[in-house]
Amino acid sequence: MTDWGPVFVGVVLFILLSPGLLFQIPGKSRFVEFRNFQTSGPSILVHSILYFAFICIFLLAIKVEVYIDS
């Protein structure tokens, strides 16, 4: 059996934290903008830091594990 937890957590966080898809911090005109489908250098940096923090929390602190039997 293999552990699919890190794969699922990584994919879900990547989708949710893509800058401009659901939200963008910092936005171009406001601090938080929702669904504008645009990005900038500072927002890529902020979202990368958030992604790293959440992936560490879910994989190291909570230890999310998903096992699939074939």
C-alpha atoms as a PDB file:
ATOM      1  CA  MET A   1       0.000   0.000   0.000  1.00  0.00           C
ATOM      2  CA  THR A   2       1.200   3.473  -0.802  1.00  0.00           C
ATOM      3  CA  ASP A   3       0.390   6.702   0.974  1.00  0.00           C
ATOM      4  CA  TRP A   4      -1.550   9.047  -1.344  1.00  0.00           C
ATOM      5  CA  GLY A   5      -2.128  11.724   1.317  1.00  0.00           C
ATOM      6  CA  PRO A   6       0.717  14.044   0.238  1.00  0.00           C
ATOM      7  CA  VAL A   7      -0.422  13.847  -3.396  1.00  0.00           C
ATOM      8  CA  PHE A   8      -4.036  14.750  -2.608  1.00  0.00           C
ATOM      9  CA  VAL A   9      -3.080  17.523  -0.182  1.00  0.00           C
ATOM     10  CA  GLY A  10      -0.603  19.002  -2.668  1.00  0.00           C
ATOM     11  CA  VAL A  11      -3.080  18.980  -5.574  1.00  0.00           C
ATOM     12  CA  VAL A  12      -5.946  20.460  -3.544  1.00  0.00           C
ATOM     13  CA  LEU A  13      -3.761  23.203  -2.068  1.00  0.00           C
ATOM     14  CA  PHE A  14      -2.297  23.988  -5.498  1.00  0.00           C
ATOM     15  CA  ILE A  15      -5.780  24.451  -6.951  1.00  0.00           C
ATOM     16  CA  LEU A  16      -7.115  26.475  -4.008  1.00  0.00           C
ATOM     17  CA  LEU A  17      -4.048  28.695  -3.638  1.00  0.00           C
ATOM     18  CA  SER A  18      -3.431  29.523  -7.307  1.00  0.00           C
ATOM     19  CA  PRO A  19      -3.231  33.331  -7.378  1.00  0.00           C
ATOM     20  CA  GLY A  20      -6.286  34.868  -9.029  1.00  0.00           C
ATOM     21  CA  LEU A  21      -8.324  31.670  -9.266  1.00  0.00           C
ATOM     22  CA  LEU A  22     -10.369  31.998  -6.064  1.00  0.00           C
ATOM     23  CA  PHE A  23      -8.661  34.973  -4.453  1.00  0.00           C
ATOM     24  CA  GLN A  24      -5.540  37.098  -4.774  1.00  0.00           C
ATOM     25  CA  ILE A  25      -3.521  38.571  -1.904  1.00  0.00           C
ATOM     26  CA  PRO A  26      -2.413  41.376  -2.425  1.00  0.00           C
ATOM     27  CA  GLY A  27      -4.738  42.498  -5.181  1.00  0.00           C
ATOM     28  CA  LYS A  28      -4.111  45.244  -7.699  1.00  0.00           C
ATOM     29  CA  SER A  29      -6.666  47.693  -6.287  1.00  0.00           C
ATOM     30  CA  ARG A  30      -7.575  46.138  -2.897  1.00  0.00           C
ATOM     31  CA  PHE A  31      -5.787  43.953  -0.362  1.00  0.00           C
ATOM     32  CA  VAL A  32      -7.898  40.889  -1.268  1.00  0.00           C
ATOM     33  CA  GLU A  33      -9.556  40.434  -4.636  1.00  0.00           C
ATOM     34  CA  PHE A  34     -11.783  37.499  -5.516  1.00  0.00           C
ATOM     35  CA  ARG A  35     -11.903  35.644  -8.871  1.00  0.00           C
ATOM     36  CA  ASN A  36     -10.075  38.212 -10.985  1.00  0.00           C
ATOM     37  CA  PHE A  37      -8.018  35.617 -12.952  1.00  0.00           C
ATOM     38  CA  GLN A  38      -4.946  37.863 -12.880  1.00  0.00           C
ATOM     39  CA  THR A  39      -1.708  37.630 -10.928  1.00  0.00           C
ATOM     40  CA  SER A  40       1.334  39.670  -9.988  1.00  0.00           C
ATOM     41  CA  GLY A  41       4.786  39.072  -8.543  1.00  0.00           C
ATOM     42  CA  PRO A  42       3.884  39.940  -4.932  1.00  0.00           C
ATOM     43  CA  SER A  43       0.782  37.745  -5.037  1.00  0.00           C
ATOM     44  CA  ILE A  44       2.824  34.798  -6.331  1.00  0.00           C
ATOM     45  CA  LEU A  45       5.222  35.266  -3.403  1.00  0.00           C
ATOM     46  CA  VAL A  46       2.417  35.480  -0.817  1.00  0.00           C
ATOM     47  CA  HIS A  47       0.587  32.459  -2.230  1.00  0.00           C
ATOM     48  CA  SER A  48       3.839  30.446  -2.324  1.00  0.00           C
ATOM     49  CA  ILE A  49       4.478  31.188   1.343  1.00  0.00           C
ATOM     50  CA  LEU A  50       0.888  30.234   2.198  1.00  0.00           C
ATOM     51  CA  TYR A  51       1.228  27.008   0.179  1.00  0.00           C
ATOM     52  CA  PHE A  52       4.456  26.086   1.997  1.00  0.00           C
ATOM     53  CA  ALA A  53       2.917  26.820   5.404  1.00  0.00           C
ATOM     54  CA  PHE A  54      -0.237  24.799   4.737  1.00  0.00           C
ATOM     55  CA  ILE A  55       1.631  21.844   3.201  1.00  0.00           C
ATOM     56  CA  CYS A  56       3.899  21.716   6.265  1.00  0.00           C
ATOM     57  CA  ILE A  57       0.922  21.849   8.616  1.00  0.00           C
ATOM     58  CA  PHE A  58      -1.036  19.131   6.810  1.00  0.00           C
ATOM     59  CA  LEU A  59       1.862  16.763   6.107  1.00  0.00           C
ATOM     60  CA  LEU A  60       4.151  17.238   9.113  1.00  0.00           C
ATOM     61  CA  ALA A  61       1.914  18.343  11.984  1.00  0.00           C
ATOM     62  CA  ILE A  62      -1.394  16.632  11.190  1.00  0.00           C
ATOM     63  CA  LYS A  63       0.152  13.772   9.137  1.00  0.00           C
ATOM     64  CA  VAL A  64      -2.618  13.306   6.586  1.00  0.00           C
ATOM     65  CA  GLU A  65      -2.479   9.741   5.285  1.00  0.00           C
ATOM     66  CA  VAL A  66      -4.623   8.158   2.567  1.00  0.00           C
ATOM     67  CA  TYR A  67      -4.103   4.491   1.744  1.00  0.00           C
ATOM     68  CA  ILE A  68      -5.735   2.889  -1.274  1.00  0.00           C
ATOM     69  CA  ASP A  69      -6.012  -0.878  -1.560  1.00  0.00           C
ATOM     70  CA  SER A  70      -5.787  -2.316  -5.045  1.00  0.00           C
END
